[in-house]
N, C-alpha and C. Protein backbone atom coordinates (compact mmCIF):
# COMPACT_ATOMS: atom_id res chain seq x y z
N UNK A 1 -17.07 -20.48 -28.24
CA UNK A 1 -16.13 -19.40 -28.15
C UNK A 1 -16.91 -18.10 -28.23
N UNK A 2 -16.64 -17.17 -27.32
CA UNK A 2 -17.29 -15.88 -27.26
C UNK A 2 -16.80 -15.04 -28.47
N UNK A 3 -17.71 -14.39 -29.15
CA UNK A 3 -17.31 -13.51 -30.26
C UNK A 3 -17.52 -12.05 -29.87
N UNK A 4 -16.55 -11.19 -30.24
CA UNK A 4 -16.60 -9.79 -29.93
C UNK A 4 -16.53 -9.05 -31.25
N UNK A 5 -17.53 -8.21 -31.51
CA UNK A 5 -17.57 -7.43 -32.72
C UNK A 5 -16.51 -6.29 -32.58
N UNK A 6 -15.75 -6.07 -33.65
CA UNK A 6 -14.72 -5.01 -33.63
C UNK A 6 -14.94 -4.14 -34.87
N UNK A 7 -14.88 -2.84 -34.66
CA UNK A 7 -14.90 -1.89 -35.73
C UNK A 7 -13.49 -1.29 -35.86
N UNK A 8 -12.89 -1.45 -37.05
CA UNK A 8 -11.54 -0.90 -37.28
C UNK A 8 -11.76 0.52 -37.80
N UNK A 9 -11.21 1.45 -37.05
CA UNK A 9 -11.32 2.87 -37.39
C UNK A 9 -10.29 3.21 -38.49
N UNK A 10 -10.46 4.39 -39.16
CA UNK A 10 -9.56 4.68 -40.29
C UNK A 10 -8.04 4.56 -39.90
N UNK A 11 -7.68 5.05 -38.74
CA UNK A 11 -6.26 5.01 -38.36
C UNK A 11 -5.83 3.60 -37.86
N UNK A 12 -6.77 2.70 -37.76
CA UNK A 12 -6.44 1.30 -37.40
C UNK A 12 -6.36 0.37 -38.58
N UNK A 13 -6.68 0.88 -39.78
CA UNK A 13 -6.59 0.06 -40.99
C UNK A 13 -5.17 -0.52 -41.14
N UNK A 14 -5.12 -1.80 -41.43
CA UNK A 14 -3.85 -2.46 -41.69
C UNK A 14 -3.16 -3.02 -40.45
N UNK A 15 -3.65 -2.72 -39.29
CA UNK A 15 -3.11 -3.28 -38.06
C UNK A 15 -3.82 -4.60 -37.71
N UNK A 16 -3.10 -5.51 -37.05
CA UNK A 16 -3.75 -6.78 -36.65
C UNK A 16 -4.82 -6.50 -35.64
N UNK A 17 -5.87 -7.36 -35.66
CA UNK A 17 -6.87 -7.32 -34.61
C UNK A 17 -6.22 -7.90 -33.35
N UNK A 18 -6.79 -7.67 -32.20
CA UNK A 18 -6.24 -8.31 -30.95
C UNK A 18 -6.14 -9.77 -31.16
N UNK A 19 -5.05 -10.35 -30.72
CA UNK A 19 -4.87 -11.77 -30.90
C UNK A 19 -3.99 -12.36 -29.79
N UNK A 20 -4.23 -13.64 -29.52
CA UNK A 20 -3.39 -14.39 -28.58
C UNK A 20 -2.05 -14.70 -29.26
N UNK A 21 -0.97 -14.55 -28.51
CA UNK A 21 0.35 -14.75 -29.15
C UNK A 21 0.94 -16.13 -28.80
N UNK A 22 0.23 -16.89 -27.93
CA UNK A 22 0.65 -18.26 -27.69
C UNK A 22 -0.61 -19.07 -27.38
N UNK A 23 -0.46 -20.40 -27.40
CA UNK A 23 -1.60 -21.33 -27.30
C UNK A 23 -2.40 -21.11 -25.97
N UNK A 24 -1.72 -20.85 -24.87
CA UNK A 24 -2.38 -20.76 -23.62
C UNK A 24 -2.40 -19.33 -23.00
N UNK A 25 -2.14 -18.32 -23.85
CA UNK A 25 -2.12 -16.95 -23.38
C UNK A 25 -3.49 -16.53 -22.90
N UNK A 26 -3.55 -15.76 -21.81
CA UNK A 26 -4.76 -15.24 -21.30
C UNK A 26 -5.17 -13.92 -21.97
N UNK A 27 -4.13 -13.12 -22.33
CA UNK A 27 -4.35 -11.83 -22.88
C UNK A 27 -4.05 -11.80 -24.39
N UNK A 28 -4.74 -10.88 -25.06
CA UNK A 28 -4.54 -10.63 -26.50
C UNK A 28 -3.79 -9.29 -26.62
N UNK A 29 -2.82 -9.23 -27.48
CA UNK A 29 -2.06 -8.03 -27.68
C UNK A 29 -2.89 -6.94 -28.35
N UNK A 30 -2.66 -5.69 -27.90
CA UNK A 30 -3.23 -4.49 -28.54
C UNK A 30 -2.11 -3.75 -29.23
N UNK A 31 -2.40 -3.15 -30.37
CA UNK A 31 -1.38 -2.48 -31.18
C UNK A 31 -1.59 -0.98 -31.22
N UNK A 32 -0.50 -0.23 -31.36
CA UNK A 32 -0.58 1.20 -31.44
C UNK A 32 -1.12 1.66 -32.79
N UNK A 33 -2.20 2.41 -32.72
CA UNK A 33 -2.81 2.94 -33.95
C UNK A 33 -2.39 4.38 -34.22
N UNK A 34 -1.15 4.69 -33.91
CA UNK A 34 -0.61 6.03 -34.13
C UNK A 34 -0.27 6.19 -35.61
N UNK A 35 -0.46 7.38 -36.15
CA UNK A 35 -0.12 7.60 -37.54
C UNK A 35 1.33 8.01 -37.70
N UNK A 36 1.88 8.66 -36.71
CA UNK A 36 3.35 9.01 -36.71
C UNK A 36 3.88 8.67 -35.33
N UNK A 37 5.17 8.63 -35.20
CA UNK A 37 5.77 8.29 -33.92
C UNK A 37 5.28 9.16 -32.80
N UNK A 38 5.05 8.51 -31.62
CA UNK A 38 4.59 9.22 -30.44
C UNK A 38 5.67 9.05 -29.39
N UNK A 39 6.15 10.15 -28.80
CA UNK A 39 7.22 10.10 -27.79
C UNK A 39 6.61 10.35 -26.43
N UNK A 40 6.92 9.49 -25.48
CA UNK A 40 6.52 9.65 -24.10
C UNK A 40 7.80 9.82 -23.29
N UNK A 41 7.95 11.02 -22.79
CA UNK A 41 9.19 11.32 -22.02
C UNK A 41 9.14 10.66 -20.65
N UNK A 42 10.32 10.52 -20.00
CA UNK A 42 10.36 9.98 -18.64
C UNK A 42 9.41 10.72 -17.70
N UNK A 43 8.64 9.95 -16.98
CA UNK A 43 7.65 10.51 -16.01
C UNK A 43 6.37 10.99 -16.64
N UNK A 44 6.24 10.86 -17.95
CA UNK A 44 4.97 11.32 -18.63
C UNK A 44 4.07 10.12 -18.91
N UNK A 45 2.86 10.40 -19.27
CA UNK A 45 1.91 9.44 -19.74
C UNK A 45 1.10 10.04 -20.85
N UNK A 46 0.72 9.20 -21.79
CA UNK A 46 -0.12 9.64 -22.91
C UNK A 46 -1.12 8.59 -23.29
N UNK A 47 -2.25 9.05 -23.88
CA UNK A 47 -3.26 8.11 -24.39
C UNK A 47 -2.81 7.69 -25.75
N UNK A 48 -2.68 6.37 -25.95
CA UNK A 48 -2.22 5.83 -27.24
C UNK A 48 -3.46 5.16 -27.86
N UNK A 49 -3.85 5.58 -29.07
CA UNK A 49 -5.00 5.01 -29.73
C UNK A 49 -4.70 3.57 -30.26
N UNK A 50 -5.71 2.74 -30.34
CA UNK A 50 -5.58 1.42 -30.91
C UNK A 50 -6.20 1.33 -32.28
N UNK A 51 -7.01 2.30 -32.60
CA UNK A 51 -7.68 2.24 -33.92
C UNK A 51 -8.84 1.28 -33.94
N UNK A 52 -9.30 0.86 -32.75
CA UNK A 52 -10.38 -0.11 -32.65
C UNK A 52 -11.51 0.38 -31.74
N UNK A 53 -12.72 0.04 -32.13
CA UNK A 53 -13.87 0.19 -31.22
C UNK A 53 -14.52 -1.21 -31.13
N UNK A 54 -15.12 -1.54 -30.01
CA UNK A 54 -15.61 -2.89 -29.79
C UNK A 54 -17.01 -2.91 -29.19
N UNK A 55 -17.70 -3.99 -29.42
CA UNK A 55 -18.98 -4.26 -28.76
C UNK A 55 -18.77 -5.45 -27.86
N UNK A 56 -18.33 -5.15 -26.63
CA UNK A 56 -18.13 -6.23 -25.64
C UNK A 56 -19.50 -6.77 -25.28
N UNK A 57 -19.74 -8.07 -25.34
CA UNK A 57 -21.04 -8.61 -25.01
C UNK A 57 -21.48 -8.27 -23.60
N UNK A 58 -22.80 -8.09 -23.45
CA UNK A 58 -23.39 -7.82 -22.14
C UNK A 58 -22.99 -8.93 -21.14
N UNK A 59 -22.58 -8.49 -19.98
CA UNK A 59 -22.17 -9.46 -18.91
C UNK A 59 -20.65 -9.74 -18.94
N UNK A 60 -19.94 -9.00 -19.81
CA UNK A 60 -18.48 -9.12 -19.89
C UNK A 60 -17.86 -7.72 -19.81
N UNK A 61 -16.54 -7.74 -19.65
CA UNK A 61 -15.76 -6.51 -19.70
C UNK A 61 -14.42 -6.86 -20.35
N UNK A 62 -13.75 -5.91 -20.91
CA UNK A 62 -12.39 -6.10 -21.40
C UNK A 62 -11.51 -5.30 -20.39
N UNK A 63 -10.41 -5.97 -19.97
CA UNK A 63 -9.42 -5.32 -19.13
C UNK A 63 -8.20 -5.08 -19.98
N UNK A 64 -7.66 -3.86 -19.86
CA UNK A 64 -6.46 -3.52 -20.59
C UNK A 64 -5.33 -3.48 -19.54
N UNK A 65 -4.30 -4.28 -19.78
CA UNK A 65 -3.22 -4.47 -18.79
C UNK A 65 -1.90 -4.25 -19.45
N UNK A 66 -0.81 -4.00 -18.64
CA UNK A 66 0.52 -3.84 -19.21
C UNK A 66 1.01 -5.15 -19.83
N UNK A 67 1.94 -5.02 -20.72
CA UNK A 67 2.68 -6.18 -21.24
C UNK A 67 3.90 -6.33 -20.34
N UNK A 68 4.14 -7.56 -19.90
CA UNK A 68 5.24 -7.79 -18.96
C UNK A 68 6.59 -7.43 -19.51
N UNK A 69 6.81 -7.67 -20.83
CA UNK A 69 8.09 -7.36 -21.43
C UNK A 69 8.36 -5.85 -21.41
N UNK A 70 7.34 -5.07 -21.77
CA UNK A 70 7.52 -3.61 -21.69
C UNK A 70 7.80 -3.13 -20.26
N UNK A 71 7.11 -3.71 -19.35
CA UNK A 71 7.28 -3.35 -17.95
C UNK A 71 8.73 -3.63 -17.46
N UNK A 72 9.16 -4.87 -17.71
CA UNK A 72 10.52 -5.29 -17.23
C UNK A 72 11.66 -4.64 -18.02
N UNK A 73 11.54 -4.62 -19.31
CA UNK A 73 12.67 -4.15 -20.12
C UNK A 73 12.72 -2.68 -20.30
N UNK A 74 11.57 -1.99 -20.24
CA UNK A 74 11.55 -0.56 -20.57
C UNK A 74 10.87 0.29 -19.47
N UNK A 75 10.36 -0.29 -18.41
CA UNK A 75 9.69 0.49 -17.33
C UNK A 75 8.42 1.12 -17.76
N UNK A 76 7.65 0.50 -18.63
CA UNK A 76 6.40 0.99 -19.17
C UNK A 76 5.21 0.28 -18.56
N UNK A 77 4.20 1.04 -18.18
CA UNK A 77 3.02 0.45 -17.56
C UNK A 77 1.75 1.13 -18.11
N UNK A 78 0.62 0.53 -17.90
CA UNK A 78 -0.67 1.10 -18.19
C UNK A 78 -1.08 1.87 -16.89
N UNK A 79 -1.33 3.11 -17.02
CA UNK A 79 -1.52 3.97 -15.86
C UNK A 79 -2.72 3.58 -15.01
N UNK A 80 -3.85 3.26 -15.60
CA UNK A 80 -5.04 2.88 -14.85
C UNK A 80 -5.25 1.35 -14.85
N UNK A 81 -4.21 0.65 -14.43
CA UNK A 81 -4.18 -0.80 -14.48
C UNK A 81 -5.10 -1.44 -13.51
N UNK A 82 -6.00 -2.38 -13.91
CA UNK A 82 -6.34 -2.56 -15.32
C UNK A 82 -7.37 -1.58 -15.77
N UNK A 83 -7.26 -1.10 -16.99
CA UNK A 83 -8.29 -0.26 -17.54
C UNK A 83 -9.47 -1.15 -17.92
N UNK A 84 -10.64 -0.66 -17.76
CA UNK A 84 -11.84 -1.42 -18.07
C UNK A 84 -12.60 -0.82 -19.27
N UNK A 85 -12.95 -1.73 -20.21
CA UNK A 85 -13.79 -1.38 -21.30
C UNK A 85 -15.14 -2.03 -21.02
N UNK A 86 -16.14 -1.21 -20.72
CA UNK A 86 -17.50 -1.69 -20.35
C UNK A 86 -18.26 -2.18 -21.60
N UNK A 87 -19.22 -3.02 -21.34
CA UNK A 87 -20.02 -3.60 -22.45
C UNK A 87 -20.86 -2.57 -23.20
N UNK A 88 -21.16 -1.44 -22.57
CA UNK A 88 -21.95 -0.42 -23.28
C UNK A 88 -21.12 0.70 -23.91
N UNK A 89 -19.77 0.59 -23.84
CA UNK A 89 -18.88 1.58 -24.48
C UNK A 89 -18.66 1.26 -25.93
N UNK A 90 -18.78 2.25 -26.76
CA UNK A 90 -18.63 1.98 -28.20
C UNK A 90 -17.57 2.90 -28.83
N UNK A 91 -16.85 3.64 -28.06
CA UNK A 91 -15.78 4.51 -28.57
C UNK A 91 -14.49 3.72 -28.77
N UNK A 92 -13.47 4.43 -29.19
CA UNK A 92 -12.17 3.84 -29.43
C UNK A 92 -11.54 3.39 -28.14
N UNK A 93 -10.94 2.20 -28.18
CA UNK A 93 -10.14 1.70 -27.06
C UNK A 93 -8.79 2.44 -27.11
N UNK A 94 -8.48 3.08 -26.02
CA UNK A 94 -7.18 3.73 -25.87
C UNK A 94 -6.45 3.14 -24.71
N UNK A 95 -5.13 3.31 -24.73
CA UNK A 95 -4.27 2.78 -23.67
C UNK A 95 -3.48 3.93 -23.08
N UNK A 96 -3.58 4.19 -21.77
CA UNK A 96 -2.82 5.23 -21.10
C UNK A 96 -1.46 4.64 -20.70
N UNK A 97 -0.44 4.94 -21.52
CA UNK A 97 0.88 4.39 -21.17
C UNK A 97 1.67 5.42 -20.35
N UNK A 98 2.35 4.83 -19.32
CA UNK A 98 3.17 5.62 -18.40
C UNK A 98 4.60 5.20 -18.55
N UNK A 99 5.50 6.17 -18.69
CA UNK A 99 6.93 5.90 -18.89
C UNK A 99 7.59 6.10 -17.54
N UNK A 100 7.89 5.03 -16.85
CA UNK A 100 8.61 5.06 -15.58
C UNK A 100 10.13 5.01 -15.73
N UNK A 101 10.63 4.97 -16.98
CA UNK A 101 12.04 4.86 -17.16
C UNK A 101 12.72 6.22 -17.15
N UNK A 102 14.02 6.23 -17.43
CA UNK A 102 14.80 7.45 -17.48
C UNK A 102 15.08 7.91 -18.93
N UNK A 103 14.51 7.18 -19.89
CA UNK A 103 14.68 7.56 -21.33
C UNK A 103 13.32 7.69 -22.03
N UNK A 104 13.34 8.40 -23.12
CA UNK A 104 12.12 8.54 -23.92
C UNK A 104 11.62 7.17 -24.45
N UNK A 105 10.32 7.03 -24.45
CA UNK A 105 9.74 5.88 -25.08
C UNK A 105 9.15 6.35 -26.42
N UNK A 106 9.58 5.68 -27.47
CA UNK A 106 9.11 6.04 -28.84
C UNK A 106 8.09 4.93 -29.25
N UNK A 107 6.84 5.31 -29.46
CA UNK A 107 5.82 4.36 -29.92
C UNK A 107 5.67 4.57 -31.39
N UNK A 108 5.78 3.45 -32.12
CA UNK A 108 5.61 3.44 -33.58
C UNK A 108 4.31 2.72 -33.95
N UNK A 109 3.82 3.02 -35.10
CA UNK A 109 2.59 2.38 -35.60
C UNK A 109 2.78 0.81 -35.58
N UNK A 110 1.82 0.16 -35.00
CA UNK A 110 1.86 -1.29 -34.97
C UNK A 110 2.63 -1.91 -33.80
N UNK A 111 3.23 -1.05 -32.94
CA UNK A 111 3.90 -1.62 -31.75
C UNK A 111 2.87 -2.27 -30.86
N UNK A 112 3.25 -3.35 -30.22
CA UNK A 112 2.38 -4.00 -29.24
C UNK A 112 2.51 -3.25 -27.94
N UNK A 113 1.40 -2.65 -27.48
CA UNK A 113 1.51 -1.70 -26.37
C UNK A 113 0.88 -2.12 -25.09
N UNK A 114 -0.01 -3.12 -25.12
CA UNK A 114 -0.76 -3.61 -23.97
C UNK A 114 -1.36 -4.94 -24.31
N UNK A 115 -1.98 -5.56 -23.33
CA UNK A 115 -2.72 -6.73 -23.52
C UNK A 115 -4.14 -6.55 -22.99
N UNK A 116 -5.07 -7.28 -23.59
CA UNK A 116 -6.49 -7.19 -23.24
C UNK A 116 -6.99 -8.55 -22.89
N UNK A 117 -7.73 -8.60 -21.76
CA UNK A 117 -8.38 -9.86 -21.33
C UNK A 117 -9.87 -9.62 -21.22
N UNK A 118 -10.68 -10.53 -21.70
CA UNK A 118 -12.13 -10.44 -21.61
C UNK A 118 -12.57 -11.31 -20.42
N UNK A 119 -13.33 -10.73 -19.49
CA UNK A 119 -13.79 -11.37 -18.28
C UNK A 119 -15.30 -11.35 -18.19
N UNK A 120 -15.85 -12.39 -17.68
CA UNK A 120 -17.30 -12.38 -17.31
C UNK A 120 -17.49 -11.61 -16.06
N UNK A 121 -18.51 -10.82 -15.98
CA UNK A 121 -18.79 -9.99 -14.86
C UNK A 121 -20.13 -10.40 -14.15
N UNK A 122 -20.06 -10.61 -12.92
CA UNK A 122 -21.23 -10.96 -12.11
C UNK A 122 -21.83 -9.67 -11.51
N UNK A 123 -23.05 -9.40 -11.77
CA UNK A 123 -23.74 -8.25 -11.20
C UNK A 123 -24.11 -8.54 -9.72
N UNK A 124 -23.93 -7.57 -8.87
CA UNK A 124 -24.23 -7.79 -7.47
C UNK A 124 -25.11 -6.66 -6.94
N UNK A 125 -25.66 -6.88 -5.79
CA UNK A 125 -26.41 -5.89 -5.10
C UNK A 125 -25.90 -5.79 -3.65
N UNK A 126 -25.66 -4.63 -3.09
CA UNK A 126 -25.21 -4.51 -1.75
C UNK A 126 -26.40 -4.61 -0.80
N UNK A 127 -26.18 -5.22 0.34
CA UNK A 127 -27.16 -5.33 1.38
C UNK A 127 -26.57 -4.84 2.66
N UNK A 128 -27.13 -3.76 3.16
CA UNK A 128 -26.63 -3.16 4.41
C UNK A 128 -27.01 -4.00 5.59
N UNK A 129 -26.06 -4.33 6.51
CA UNK A 129 -26.32 -5.10 7.69
C UNK A 129 -25.69 -4.42 8.89
N UNK A 130 -26.18 -4.75 10.05
CA UNK A 130 -25.58 -4.15 11.29
C UNK A 130 -24.24 -4.83 11.62
N UNK A 131 -24.13 -6.15 11.39
CA UNK A 131 -22.92 -6.84 11.71
C UNK A 131 -22.56 -7.81 10.55
N UNK A 132 -21.29 -8.02 10.34
CA UNK A 132 -20.81 -8.95 9.33
C UNK A 132 -20.49 -10.30 10.01
N UNK A 133 -20.62 -11.39 9.25
CA UNK A 133 -20.23 -12.71 9.80
C UNK A 133 -18.75 -12.68 10.16
N UNK A 134 -18.36 -13.39 11.21
CA UNK A 134 -16.98 -13.41 11.65
C UNK A 134 -16.18 -14.38 10.85
N UNK A 135 -14.86 -14.12 10.78
CA UNK A 135 -13.89 -15.01 10.16
C UNK A 135 -12.63 -15.10 11.02
N UNK A 136 -11.74 -16.06 10.76
CA UNK A 136 -10.49 -16.11 11.52
C UNK A 136 -9.64 -14.87 11.30
N UNK A 137 -9.66 -14.32 10.16
CA UNK A 137 -8.86 -13.14 9.85
C UNK A 137 -9.47 -11.86 10.50
N UNK A 138 -10.75 -11.79 10.51
CA UNK A 138 -11.41 -10.60 11.09
C UNK A 138 -11.07 -9.38 10.29
N UNK A 139 -10.65 -8.28 11.02
CA UNK A 139 -10.36 -6.99 10.42
C UNK A 139 -8.88 -6.83 10.09
N UNK A 140 -8.10 -7.94 10.15
CA UNK A 140 -6.65 -7.88 9.87
C UNK A 140 -6.47 -7.29 8.46
N UNK A 141 -5.71 -6.26 8.37
CA UNK A 141 -5.55 -5.53 7.11
C UNK A 141 -4.32 -5.94 6.36
N UNK A 142 -3.71 -4.94 5.72
CA UNK A 142 -2.53 -5.09 4.86
C UNK A 142 -1.42 -5.91 5.54
N UNK A 143 -1.07 -6.98 4.90
CA UNK A 143 0.06 -7.76 5.42
C UNK A 143 -0.30 -8.68 6.59
N UNK A 144 -1.59 -8.81 6.86
CA UNK A 144 -1.96 -9.59 8.03
C UNK A 144 -2.07 -11.07 7.79
N UNK A 145 -2.23 -11.46 6.58
CA UNK A 145 -2.31 -12.93 6.32
C UNK A 145 -0.91 -13.51 6.25
N UNK A 146 -0.74 -14.74 6.78
CA UNK A 146 0.56 -15.42 6.69
C UNK A 146 1.55 -14.96 7.74
N UNK A 147 1.16 -14.00 8.61
CA UNK A 147 2.07 -13.52 9.62
C UNK A 147 1.81 -14.23 10.89
N UNK A 148 2.83 -14.88 11.46
CA UNK A 148 2.66 -15.57 12.70
C UNK A 148 2.88 -14.58 13.86
N UNK A 149 2.17 -14.78 14.94
CA UNK A 149 2.29 -13.90 16.08
C UNK A 149 3.74 -13.88 16.59
N UNK A 150 4.24 -12.68 16.87
CA UNK A 150 5.61 -12.49 17.36
C UNK A 150 6.64 -12.47 16.26
N UNK A 151 6.26 -12.57 14.99
CA UNK A 151 7.23 -12.47 13.91
C UNK A 151 6.74 -11.39 12.91
N UNK A 152 7.71 -10.74 12.26
CA UNK A 152 7.35 -9.74 11.27
C UNK A 152 7.40 -10.26 9.90
């Protein structure tokens, strides 16, 4: 099992560490490290602190993603989905929450605000070529797969 070092910042004291909420969950919940209620008005976004800094192992990244329940029930999303925490970043993990609803979102200390997934990252190098290998799809763009000729 991969281990990730976590530093709990003063305003993160007493909050749970990121954790899986079910046996086969891919993401771990992140909690709001706010000291007092934070209000995000309709159409606004704010950076919500988690009270945590991490040392993601080299060759990995953490992705911060929306929680499906917040998205469906309250119209809340993570603005830069997915947000990436790089292996060399040592600052506080923050979540940019966007309120797409028509009512204020009130964030309280300890609210589950996002989920985080740790992924292995493969380093690549680009190689410039004059021509690319051909495929059946070719340059077919948005919506081109699964479309039969003569049908929309």
